[in-house]
Amino acid sequence: GIHVMKAWVVRVLTPSRLALLLVNTTTCCTVGALGDVCQQRISQSGPNDWARTGRMATLGACMGPVYHYWYLMLDVALPGTKGTAVVKKVLANQLLMAPTNYCIFFTGMALLEGHTAHAAVEELQSKFWPTYKMDWLVWPAAQTVNFVFVPPMLRVAYVNVVAFLWATYLSHMKHKTLVR
């Protein structure tokens, strides 16, 4: 069953730690870029803004190592793939990583666009809660699957499959004008 598949995947696909970090970082970079390109195709009819896509890719590349080490740390701090361990991992992800991620995302993107720190904080204040509320509708279920069924070395890759859709949403939120 699933345990045989996990054992096979771990035995056959185990790359070196450095290679896994590189794969996770490259995947996050690519997902950020593709999510933005997808969002631009949905929301505008003109040519793509490749500088905007580059900023999304840059932020994705910066977050790749963060996610890589986050999942390694979670597995050490909260070992196991059943019951309480999974609930604790999902809650840790929702209560610690998600808010941190959105703070970095909205402020980082604004700063990469050349906005002031004050403007970056204002954007974060207006977009954080709507994004974080939507996060609770998507990520707890996705992370439960991640922590129960996905081997540790493939967790960032799995999350990036879901994250492609999420990056499209984040690009939408980033470039949406919100009324306060």
Protein backbone atom coordinates (compact mmCIF):
# COMPACT_ATOMS: atom_id res chain seq x y z
CA GLY A 1 0.00 0.00 0.00
CA ILE A 2 1.03 3.54 0.75
CA HIS A 3 3.91 2.47 3.04
CA VAL A 4 5.48 0.37 0.27
CA MET A 5 5.18 3.32 -2.11
CA LYS A 6 6.74 5.69 0.46
CA ALA A 7 9.65 3.29 1.02
CA TRP A 8 10.21 2.97 -2.71
CA VAL A 9 10.12 6.72 -3.28
CA VAL A 10 12.53 7.35 -0.40
CA ARG A 11 14.94 4.61 -1.60
CA VAL A 12 14.86 5.52 -5.29
CA LEU A 13 14.55 9.31 -5.20
CA THR A 14 16.68 10.31 -2.19
CA PRO A 15 18.90 13.14 -3.47
CA SER A 16 21.67 14.78 -1.49
CA ARG A 17 20.60 17.47 0.96
CA LEU A 18 22.11 20.22 -1.16
CA ALA A 19 20.40 18.94 -4.30
CA LEU A 20 17.06 18.81 -2.46
CA LEU A 21 17.52 22.39 -1.25
CA LEU A 22 18.27 23.44 -4.83
CA VAL A 23 15.23 21.57 -6.19
CA ASN A 24 12.95 23.08 -3.52
CA THR A 25 14.26 26.60 -4.13
CA THR A 26 14.00 26.29 -7.92
CA THR A 27 10.49 24.90 -7.63
CA CYS A 28 9.36 27.77 -5.40
CA CYS A 29 10.87 30.28 -7.83
CA THR A 30 9.15 28.62 -10.79
CA VAL A 31 5.79 28.34 -9.03
CA GLY A 32 5.85 32.03 -8.11
CA ALA A 33 6.58 32.99 -11.72
CA LEU A 34 4.02 30.62 -13.26
CA GLY A 35 1.31 31.69 -10.80
CA ASP A 36 1.89 35.30 -11.75
CA VAL A 37 1.88 34.58 -15.49
CA CYS A 38 -1.38 32.67 -15.05
CA GLN A 39 -2.90 35.55 -13.07
CA GLN A 40 -1.83 38.06 -15.71
CA ARG A 41 -3.43 35.95 -18.45
CA ILE A 42 -6.67 35.83 -16.42
CA SER A 43 -6.81 39.50 -15.44
CA GLN A 44 -5.40 41.47 -18.37
CA SER A 45 -5.46 41.34 -22.14
CA GLY A 46 -2.15 43.10 -22.87
CA PRO A 47 1.36 41.72 -22.85
CA ASN A 48 2.78 40.16 -19.72
CA ASP A 49 4.59 42.40 -17.26
CA TRP A 50 7.79 40.35 -17.06
CA ALA A 51 9.31 42.57 -14.36
CA ARG A 52 6.32 41.75 -12.17
CA THR A 53 6.78 38.04 -12.90
CA GLY A 54 10.47 38.40 -12.09
CA ARG A 55 9.61 39.87 -8.69
CA MET A 56 7.29 36.94 -7.95
CA ALA A 57 10.03 34.52 -9.02
CA THR A 58 12.60 36.32 -6.87
CA LEU A 59 10.42 36.18 -3.80
CA GLY A 60 9.68 32.51 -4.50
CA ALA A 61 13.42 31.79 -4.71
CA CYS A 62 13.97 33.60 -1.42
CA MET A 63 11.23 31.58 0.29
CA GLY A 64 12.37 28.20 -1.09
CA PRO A 65 15.09 27.70 1.54
CA VAL A 66 12.73 28.94 4.25
CA TYR A 67 10.15 26.29 3.35
CA HIS A 68 12.85 23.63 2.92
CA TYR A 69 14.18 24.11 6.44
CA TRP A 70 10.72 24.72 7.91
CA TYR A 71 9.52 21.26 6.88
CA LEU A 72 12.75 19.63 8.09
CA MET A 73 12.35 21.38 11.44
CA LEU A 74 8.69 20.37 11.72
CA ASP A 75 9.57 16.72 11.19
CA VAL A 76 12.23 16.87 13.90
CA ALA A 77 10.14 18.88 16.38
CA LEU A 78 6.88 17.03 15.69
CA PRO A 79 7.73 13.54 14.44
CA GLY A 80 5.02 11.29 13.08
CA THR A 81 2.37 11.13 10.38
CA LYS A 82 -0.69 10.27 12.45
CA GLY A 83 -3.23 11.97 14.72
CA THR A 84 -1.84 14.52 17.14
CA ALA A 85 1.46 14.98 15.30
CA VAL A 86 -0.36 15.94 12.09
CA VAL A 87 -2.73 18.31 13.89
CA LYS A 88 0.24 20.00 15.58
CA LYS A 89 2.11 20.32 12.27
CA VAL A 90 -0.92 21.80 10.51
CA LEU A 91 -1.52 24.25 13.38
CA ALA A 92 2.17 25.22 13.47
CA ASN A 93 2.03 25.84 9.75
CA GLN A 94 -1.16 27.89 10.00
CA LEU A 95 -0.23 29.88 13.10
CA LEU A 96 3.50 30.42 12.49
CA MET A 97 4.51 29.92 8.87
CA ALA A 98 1.44 31.31 7.10
CA PRO A 99 1.44 34.72 8.84
CA THR A 100 5.21 34.98 8.42
CA ASN A 101 4.89 34.09 4.75
CA TYR A 102 2.30 36.80 4.08
CA CYS A 103 4.29 39.44 5.95
CA ILE A 104 7.34 38.60 3.84
CA PHE A 105 5.31 38.34 0.64
CA PHE A 106 3.42 41.64 0.78
CA THR A 107 6.25 43.73 2.21
CA GLY A 108 8.88 42.04 0.03
CA MET A 109 6.90 42.53 -3.16
CA ALA A 110 6.19 46.17 -2.34
CA LEU A 111 9.87 46.83 -1.63
CA LEU A 112 10.91 45.04 -4.84
CA GLU A 113 8.48 47.35 -6.68
CA GLY A 114 10.35 50.33 -5.23
CA HIS A 115 7.75 51.38 -2.66
CA THR A 116 8.77 52.80 0.70
CA ALA A 117 8.76 50.70 3.85
CA HIS A 118 5.76 52.71 5.05
CA ALA A 119 3.82 51.94 1.85
CA ALA A 120 4.81 48.26 2.15
CA VAL A 121 3.43 48.09 5.70
CA GLU A 122 0.22 49.84 4.61
CA GLU A 123 -0.27 47.28 1.85
CA LEU A 124 0.39 44.45 4.29
CA GLN A 125 -2.20 45.88 6.68
CA SER A 126 -4.86 46.05 3.99
CA LYS A 127 -4.22 42.66 2.36
CA PHE A 128 -3.03 40.41 5.19
CA TRP A 129 -6.40 39.46 6.74
CA PRO A 130 -8.31 38.72 3.52
CA THR A 131 -5.39 36.55 2.37
CA TYR A 132 -4.96 34.80 5.71
CA LYS A 133 -8.69 34.02 5.95
CA MET A 134 -8.61 32.44 2.48
CA ASP A 135 -5.49 30.52 3.53
CA TRP A 136 -7.52 28.74 6.23
CA LEU A 137 -9.91 27.46 3.54
CA VAL A 138 -7.12 25.91 1.44
CA TRP A 139 -4.02 25.01 3.40
CA PRO A 140 -5.16 22.96 6.43
CA ALA A 141 -6.58 20.23 4.15
CA ALA A 142 -3.60 20.40 1.78
CA GLN A 143 -1.16 20.23 4.68
CA THR A 144 -2.98 17.32 6.29
CA VAL A 145 -2.48 15.34 3.08
CA ASN A 146 1.13 16.55 3.02
CA PHE A 147 1.97 15.42 6.55
CA VAL A 148 0.10 12.09 6.37
CA PHE A 149 0.93 10.78 2.89
CA VAL A 150 3.91 12.65 1.43
CA PRO A 151 7.46 11.49 2.24
CA PRO A 152 9.49 14.26 3.95
CA MET A 153 11.86 14.79 1.02
CA LEU A 154 8.91 15.46 -1.32
CA ARG A 155 6.92 17.80 0.95
CA VAL A 156 8.06 21.08 -0.60
CA ALA A 157 7.46 19.66 -4.09
CA TYR A 158 3.93 18.54 -3.13
CA VAL A 159 3.18 21.89 -1.51
CA ASN A 160 4.34 23.61 -4.68
CA VAL A 161 1.70 21.78 -6.72
CA VAL A 162 -0.97 23.32 -4.47
CA ALA A 163 1.08 26.51 -4.30
CA PHE A 164 0.81 27.04 -8.05
CA LEU A 165 -2.90 27.72 -7.60
CA TRP A 166 -2.16 29.66 -4.43
CA ALA A 167 0.50 31.78 -6.18
CA THR A 168 -2.10 32.70 -8.78
CA TYR A 169 -4.36 33.84 -5.95
CA LEU A 170 -1.51 35.70 -4.19
CA SER A 171 -0.65 37.50 -7.42
CA HIS A 172 -4.31 38.50 -7.67
CA MET A 173 -4.31 39.78 -4.07
CA LYS A 174 -1.02 41.61 -4.53
CA HIS A 175 -2.18 43.48 -7.58
CA LYS A 176 -5.76 44.06 -6.43
CA THR A 177 -6.77 47.46 -5.11
CA LEU A 178 -8.54 47.03 -1.79
CA VAL A 179 -10.84 49.64 -0.29
CA ARG A 180 -10.10 50.17 3.39
